[in-house]
Amino acid sequence: MKKLIPVILMLVAFSLNAQQSANRFFYELTFRPKTQLPDTDKVMTILDITKDKSIYQDYTVPAQDSVVVAAFKEMEKTKTFKDLSKMITMPKFSYKVTKAYPTMAASYTDRISRNMFGYTEQLKFNWNILPQKEKIGEYDTQKATTEFGGRKWTAWFTTAIPFSDGPYKFSGLPGLIVKIEDDAKDYSWLLKGNKKIENYSEETEAEKLNAKFGMSNKANMVTREKFEKAYEVYKADPLAEMRPQMTPELMGKKMPGSDKTIGEFLKEQEKIAKDFFGANNNPIEKAAPAKKK
């Protein structure tokens, strides 16, 4: 009987984890991708809040989960290749920010070639809560200001939603952030809606499929400095890790069920990656936090 107890506890824990729910908050992000241009872009982002963490990301990929699943099922059935980059909209931002409760330690993760890397920061925002109040959508909000990443930020939060959280890395106010923007209006998030998700999974269907093909979703956590150096190298040559295997023989082979060669496909993927990296030269954080002495 004693031997059975740990097994039972493991099964209960697994069941609870499998059935965990999340509160999903939708934030419309309006941002200026290029510092030298006045044009702005928009993308829907999400903040998923569970009992022990929150996860912020671009909603573009999760919103297309059903398309990805259908495409892979068809590929498995027909044994033919489908170029998903031609079927789905690419995200504006590929990173995720996860905040652990209750410490609010923020982990920033992104894929560098075939592997996930990331870093963790224990951020403490020095909020100045002001008396001004404003109705934003259905919420009664209050104003607060702070400085972060080389920018001055103004936020409006609501105590009606008792989560001390917000989009990207922002947290620490006595309620959920409804709106936040920097003084240059380069980045502005606005809460547009929310819903409860039962049987919540942290991984998108695309990520689950990546894992099936050997692309780990478990992040290797390093220092922020090391992460940023590795990311800059990856941006300069997105196919660097694959080049030793890119023999003329391999590059000349056809993709399964396609007239396209592996070399042609990889060349297209390299262009997509470089276009993605070149689309934004105006980061949210213009300066990394100063190191503690």
Protein backbone atom coordinates (compact mmCIF):
# COMPACT_ATOMS: atom_id res chain seq x y z
CA MET A 1 0.00 0.00 0.00
CA LYS A 2 2.83 2.39 0.89
CA LYS A 3 4.34 1.87 -2.55
CA LEU A 4 1.05 2.79 -4.18
CA ILE A 5 0.69 6.16 -2.41
CA PRO A 6 3.44 8.01 -4.37
CA VAL A 7 2.02 6.66 -7.62
CA ILE A 8 -1.47 7.84 -6.70
CA LEU A 9 -0.15 11.27 -5.75
CA MET A 10 1.70 11.50 -9.07
CA LEU A 11 -1.46 10.62 -10.97
CA VAL A 12 -3.47 13.21 -9.04
CA ALA A 13 -0.82 15.87 -9.68
CA PHE A 14 -0.72 15.00 -13.38
CA SER A 15 -4.52 15.18 -13.57
CA LEU A 16 -4.63 18.57 -11.89
CA ASN A 17 -1.89 19.92 -14.14
CA ALA A 18 -3.59 18.59 -17.27
CA GLN A 19 -6.83 20.27 -16.28
CA GLN A 20 -5.43 23.62 -15.23
CA SER A 21 -7.28 26.70 -16.44
CA ALA A 22 -6.06 30.15 -17.37
CA ASN A 23 -7.39 33.67 -17.63
CA ARG A 24 -6.43 35.04 -21.05
CA PHE A 25 -6.18 38.80 -21.47
CA PHE A 26 -5.97 40.24 -24.99
CA TYR A 27 -3.80 43.34 -25.44
CA GLU A 28 -3.65 45.22 -28.72
CA LEU A 29 -0.09 46.47 -29.18
CA THR A 30 0.49 49.52 -31.35
CA PHE A 31 4.20 50.03 -32.02
CA ARG A 32 6.68 51.88 -34.23
CA PRO A 33 9.01 49.27 -35.79
CA LYS A 34 11.51 51.71 -37.31
CA THR A 35 12.97 54.59 -35.32
CA GLN A 36 13.50 56.68 -38.46
CA LEU A 37 9.92 56.28 -39.74
CA PRO A 38 6.61 57.58 -38.32
CA ASP A 39 4.63 54.49 -39.44
CA THR A 40 3.10 52.28 -36.76
CA ASP A 41 2.01 48.67 -36.80
CA LYS A 42 -0.49 46.70 -34.71
CA VAL A 43 -0.57 43.15 -33.37
CA MET A 44 -2.74 41.31 -30.86
CA THR A 45 -0.82 39.94 -27.89
CA ILE A 46 -1.98 37.79 -24.99
CA LEU A 47 -1.28 37.50 -21.27
CA ASP A 48 -2.28 34.08 -19.94
CA ILE A 49 -2.54 33.95 -16.15
CA THR A 50 -2.57 30.63 -14.29
CA LYS A 51 -2.39 29.96 -10.56
CA ASP A 52 1.41 30.02 -10.48
CA LYS A 53 2.58 32.13 -13.44
CA SER A 54 1.70 34.39 -16.35
CA ILE A 55 2.82 34.00 -19.96
CA TYR A 56 2.92 36.92 -22.42
CA GLN A 57 3.38 36.45 -26.18
CA ASP A 58 2.34 37.52 -29.66
CA TYR A 59 -1.08 35.93 -30.35
CA THR A 60 -0.43 35.42 -34.08
CA VAL A 61 0.86 31.84 -33.83
CA PRO A 62 -1.51 30.51 -31.11
CA ALA A 63 -4.45 31.95 -33.10
CA GLN A 64 -3.52 29.70 -36.03
CA ASP A 65 -3.20 26.44 -34.07
CA SER A 66 -6.03 24.76 -35.98
CA VAL A 67 -4.42 25.62 -39.36
CA VAL A 68 -1.06 24.17 -38.27
CA VAL A 69 -2.64 20.95 -36.96
CA ALA A 70 -4.70 20.46 -40.14
CA ALA A 71 -1.64 21.00 -42.36
CA PHE A 72 0.50 18.48 -40.46
CA LYS A 73 -2.28 15.90 -40.47
CA GLU A 74 -2.56 16.27 -44.25
CA MET A 75 1.22 15.93 -44.64
CA GLU A 76 1.23 12.75 -42.56
CA LYS A 77 -1.66 11.34 -44.55
CA THR A 78 -0.40 12.21 -48.05
CA LYS A 79 3.36 11.99 -47.32
CA THR A 80 3.81 15.29 -49.14
CA PHE A 81 5.49 18.53 -48.04
CA LYS A 82 3.55 21.71 -47.28
CA ASP A 83 5.40 24.97 -46.75
CA LEU A 84 3.71 26.34 -43.63
CA SER A 85 5.35 29.73 -44.11
CA LYS A 86 3.05 30.15 -47.14
CA MET A 87 -0.07 29.15 -45.15
CA ILE A 88 0.20 31.08 -41.92
CA THR A 89 0.88 34.67 -40.89
CA MET A 90 4.27 35.10 -39.26
CA PRO A 91 4.36 36.75 -35.81
CA LYS A 92 5.72 40.23 -35.25
CA PHE A 93 7.49 39.02 -32.09
CA SER A 94 8.69 35.48 -31.39
CA TYR A 95 9.67 35.75 -27.71
CA LYS A 96 7.70 34.86 -24.58
CA VAL A 97 7.82 36.50 -21.16
CA THR A 98 6.90 34.27 -18.22
CA LYS A 99 6.47 35.72 -14.72
CA ALA A 100 6.60 33.33 -11.77
CA TYR A 101 4.14 33.95 -8.94
CA PRO A 102 4.53 35.27 -6.30
CA THR A 103 8.10 36.49 -6.89
CA MET A 104 7.30 37.98 -10.33
CA ALA A 105 10.72 36.93 -11.60
CA ALA A 106 10.48 37.50 -15.37
CA SER A 107 11.91 34.93 -17.79
CA TYR A 108 12.43 36.05 -21.39
CA THR A 109 12.73 33.14 -23.85
CA ASP A 110 13.14 32.83 -27.61
CA ARG A 111 14.31 30.28 -30.13
CA ILE A 112 17.87 30.53 -31.39
CA SER A 113 18.13 28.16 -34.34
CA ARG A 114 16.75 24.77 -33.19
CA ASN A 115 16.99 25.45 -29.45
CA MET A 116 15.23 27.64 -26.91
CA PHE A 117 17.31 30.01 -24.81
CA GLY A 118 16.39 32.57 -22.20
CA TYR A 119 17.33 34.64 -19.18
CA THR A 120 15.60 35.53 -15.92
CA GLU A 121 15.43 38.93 -14.19
CA GLN A 122 14.07 39.89 -10.80
CA LEU A 123 12.62 43.26 -11.80
CA LYS A 124 11.30 45.79 -9.32
CA PHE A 125 9.38 48.63 -10.94
CA ASN A 126 9.48 51.93 -9.10
CA TRP A 127 5.86 52.94 -9.70
CA ASN A 128 4.59 56.42 -8.87
CA ILE A 129 0.83 56.00 -8.32
CA LEU A 130 -1.00 59.25 -9.10
CA PRO A 131 -4.49 60.47 -8.12
CA GLN A 132 -5.79 60.79 -11.70
CA LYS A 133 -8.51 58.33 -12.65
CA GLU A 134 -10.00 57.51 -16.04
CA LYS A 135 -12.63 55.23 -17.53
CA ILE A 136 -11.02 53.03 -20.19
CA GLY A 137 -13.52 50.76 -21.87
CA GLU A 138 -15.49 49.10 -19.08
CA TYR A 139 -12.81 49.63 -16.45
CA ASP A 140 -12.30 52.37 -13.87
CA THR A 141 -8.56 52.92 -13.89
CA GLN A 142 -5.90 54.90 -12.06
CA LYS A 143 -2.71 56.43 -13.40
CA ALA A 144 0.85 55.36 -12.55
CA THR A 145 4.25 56.17 -14.02
CA THR A 146 7.65 54.50 -14.05
CA GLU A 147 10.92 54.32 -15.96
CA PHE A 148 12.08 51.08 -17.56
CA GLY A 149 14.40 50.05 -20.38
CA GLY A 150 15.48 53.60 -21.15
CA ARG A 151 11.89 54.83 -21.55
CA LYS A 152 9.35 56.71 -19.42
CA TRP A 153 6.04 54.83 -19.12
CA THR A 154 2.50 55.81 -18.17
CA ALA A 155 0.15 53.04 -17.08
CA TRP A 156 -3.53 52.87 -16.19
CA PHE A 157 -4.48 49.98 -13.91
CA THR A 158 -7.72 48.63 -12.47
CA THR A 159 -8.24 47.11 -9.03
CA ALA A 160 -11.37 45.41 -10.44
CA ILE A 161 -9.06 42.69 -11.82
CA PRO A 162 -6.88 41.65 -8.85
CA PHE A 163 -3.77 40.55 -10.78
CA SER A 164 -0.62 42.58 -10.13
CA ASP A 165 0.47 41.97 -13.70
CA GLY A 166 0.45 43.35 -17.21
CA PRO A 167 1.81 42.93 -20.75
CA TYR A 168 5.47 42.21 -21.48
CA LYS A 169 7.57 42.41 -18.27
CA PHE A 170 5.40 44.99 -16.51
CA SER A 171 4.01 44.16 -13.04
CA GLY A 172 3.81 45.45 -9.48
CA LEU A 173 0.68 47.63 -9.48
CA PRO A 174 -2.35 46.92 -7.21
CA GLY A 175 -4.38 45.57 -10.12
CA LEU A 176 -4.11 44.56 -13.77
CA ILE A 177 -2.66 47.06 -16.25
CA VAL A 178 -5.36 48.14 -18.73
CA LYS A 179 -3.21 50.51 -20.75
CA ILE A 180 0.49 51.34 -20.82
CA GLU A 181 2.62 53.38 -23.23
CA ASP A 182 5.98 55.12 -23.34
CA ASP A 183 6.27 58.89 -23.64
CA ALA A 184 7.38 58.66 -27.31
CA LYS A 185 4.35 56.45 -28.06
CA ASP A 186 6.66 53.91 -29.68
CA TYR A 187 4.89 51.14 -27.74
CA SER A 188 1.32 51.20 -26.48
CA TRP A 189 -0.71 48.29 -25.10
CA LEU A 190 -4.48 48.44 -24.60
CA LEU A 191 -6.58 45.71 -22.97
CA LYS A 192 -9.26 44.65 -25.47
CA GLY A 193 -10.91 41.66 -23.80
CA ASN A 194 -10.48 38.48 -21.80
CA LYS A 195 -11.77 34.92 -21.51
CA LYS A 196 -11.36 31.84 -19.35
CA ILE A 197 -9.58 28.86 -20.92
CA GLU A 198 -10.23 25.40 -19.51
CA ASN A 199 -7.72 22.57 -20.05
CA TYR A 200 -5.09 25.20 -20.74
CA SER A 201 -1.77 24.22 -22.35
CA GLU A 202 1.28 26.48 -22.21
CA GLU A 203 2.57 25.15 -25.53
CA THR A 204 1.00 26.03 -28.87
CA GLU A 205 0.25 23.25 -31.32
CA ALA A 206 3.17 24.43 -33.45
CA GLU A 207 5.50 24.05 -30.47
CA LYS A 208 4.21 20.54 -29.76
CA LEU A 209 4.87 19.59 -33.37
CA ASN A 210 8.35 21.15 -33.20
CA ALA A 211 9.12 18.88 -30.25
CA LYS A 212 8.12 15.84 -32.31
CA PHE A 213 10.81 16.81 -34.84
CA GLY A 214 13.58 17.29 -32.30
CA MET A 215 13.23 21.03 -31.62
CA SER A 216 13.19 21.27 -27.83
CA ASN A 217 10.78 23.69 -26.16
CA LYS A 218 12.69 23.59 -22.87
CA ALA A 219 14.75 26.75 -22.58
CA ASN A 220 18.44 26.77 -21.70
CA MET A 221 18.65 29.63 -19.21
CA VAL A 222 21.79 31.80 -19.42
CA THR A 223 22.74 35.35 -18.43
CA ARG A 224 21.04 38.16 -20.31
CA GLU A 225 24.41 39.26 -21.73
CA LYS A 226 25.13 35.76 -23.05
CA PHE A 227 21.60 35.46 -24.49
CA GLU A 228 21.82 38.78 -26.34
CA LYS A 229 25.26 37.96 -27.80
CA ALA A 230 24.01 34.56 -29.04
CA TYR A 231 20.90 36.18 -30.51
CA GLU A 232 22.95 38.77 -32.42
CA VAL A 233 25.08 35.98 -33.92
CA TYR A 234 21.92 34.09 -34.91
CA LYS A 235 20.42 37.19 -36.54
CA ALA A 236 23.55 37.68 -38.64
CA ASP A 237 23.42 34.09 -39.96
CA PRO A 238 20.19 32.20 -39.15
CA LEU A 239 21.44 29.00 -40.84
CA ALA A 240 24.90 28.92 -39.21
CA GLU A 241 24.11 25.83 -37.12
CA MET A 242 22.93 23.92 -40.18
CA ARG A 243 25.72 24.85 -42.60
CA PRO A 244 28.02 21.89 -41.77
CA GLN A 245 25.23 19.51 -42.90
CA MET A 246 24.35 21.51 -46.03
CA THR A 247 26.28 19.41 -48.54
CA PRO A 248 25.70 19.92 -52.31
CA GLU A 249 24.11 16.46 -52.45
CA LEU A 250 21.63 17.25 -49.68
CA MET A 251 20.83 20.72 -51.05
CA GLY A 252 19.98 19.24 -54.44
CA LYS A 253 17.45 16.75 -53.07
CA LYS A 254 13.75 17.39 -53.53
CA MET A 255 11.43 18.02 -50.59
CA PRO A 256 9.03 15.02 -50.17
CA GLY A 257 6.11 15.41 -52.60
CA SER A 258 7.43 18.77 -53.87
CA ASP A 259 9.33 20.13 -56.87
CA LYS A 260 11.28 22.39 -54.52
CA THR A 261 14.81 21.35 -53.50
CA ILE A 262 16.00 21.43 -49.90
CA GLY A 263 18.45 24.17 -50.93
CA GLU A 264 15.66 26.33 -52.37
CA PHE A 265 13.54 25.80 -49.28
CA LEU A 266 16.37 26.74 -46.90
CA LYS A 267 17.19 29.83 -48.96
CA GLU A 268 13.56 30.95 -48.61
CA GLN A 269 13.63 30.27 -44.87
CA GLU A 270 16.82 32.31 -44.52
CA LYS A 271 15.18 35.26 -46.29
CA ILE A 272 12.09 34.99 -44.06
CA ALA A 273 14.31 35.02 -40.95
CA LYS A 274 16.37 38.00 -42.12
CA ASP A 275 13.23 39.94 -43.11
CA PHE A 276 11.80 39.21 -39.65
CA PHE A 277 14.92 40.47 -37.87
CA GLY A 278 15.20 43.50 -40.15
CA ALA A 279 11.59 44.58 -39.67
CA ASN A 280 12.19 46.16 -36.26
CA ASN A 281 15.11 48.29 -35.11
CA ASN A 282 13.19 49.96 -32.28
CA PRO A 283 13.21 47.57 -29.28
CA ILE A 284 10.94 47.97 -26.26
CA GLU A 285 13.99 48.19 -24.04
CA LYS A 286 16.47 50.68 -25.40
CA ALA A 287 18.74 49.96 -22.46
CA ALA A 288 19.18 46.89 -20.28
CA PRO A 289 18.76 47.33 -16.50
CA ALA A 290 21.95 48.43 -14.74
CA LYS A 291 23.77 45.59 -13.02
CA LYS A 292 23.62 45.54 -9.23
CA LYS A 293 26.99 46.09 -7.57
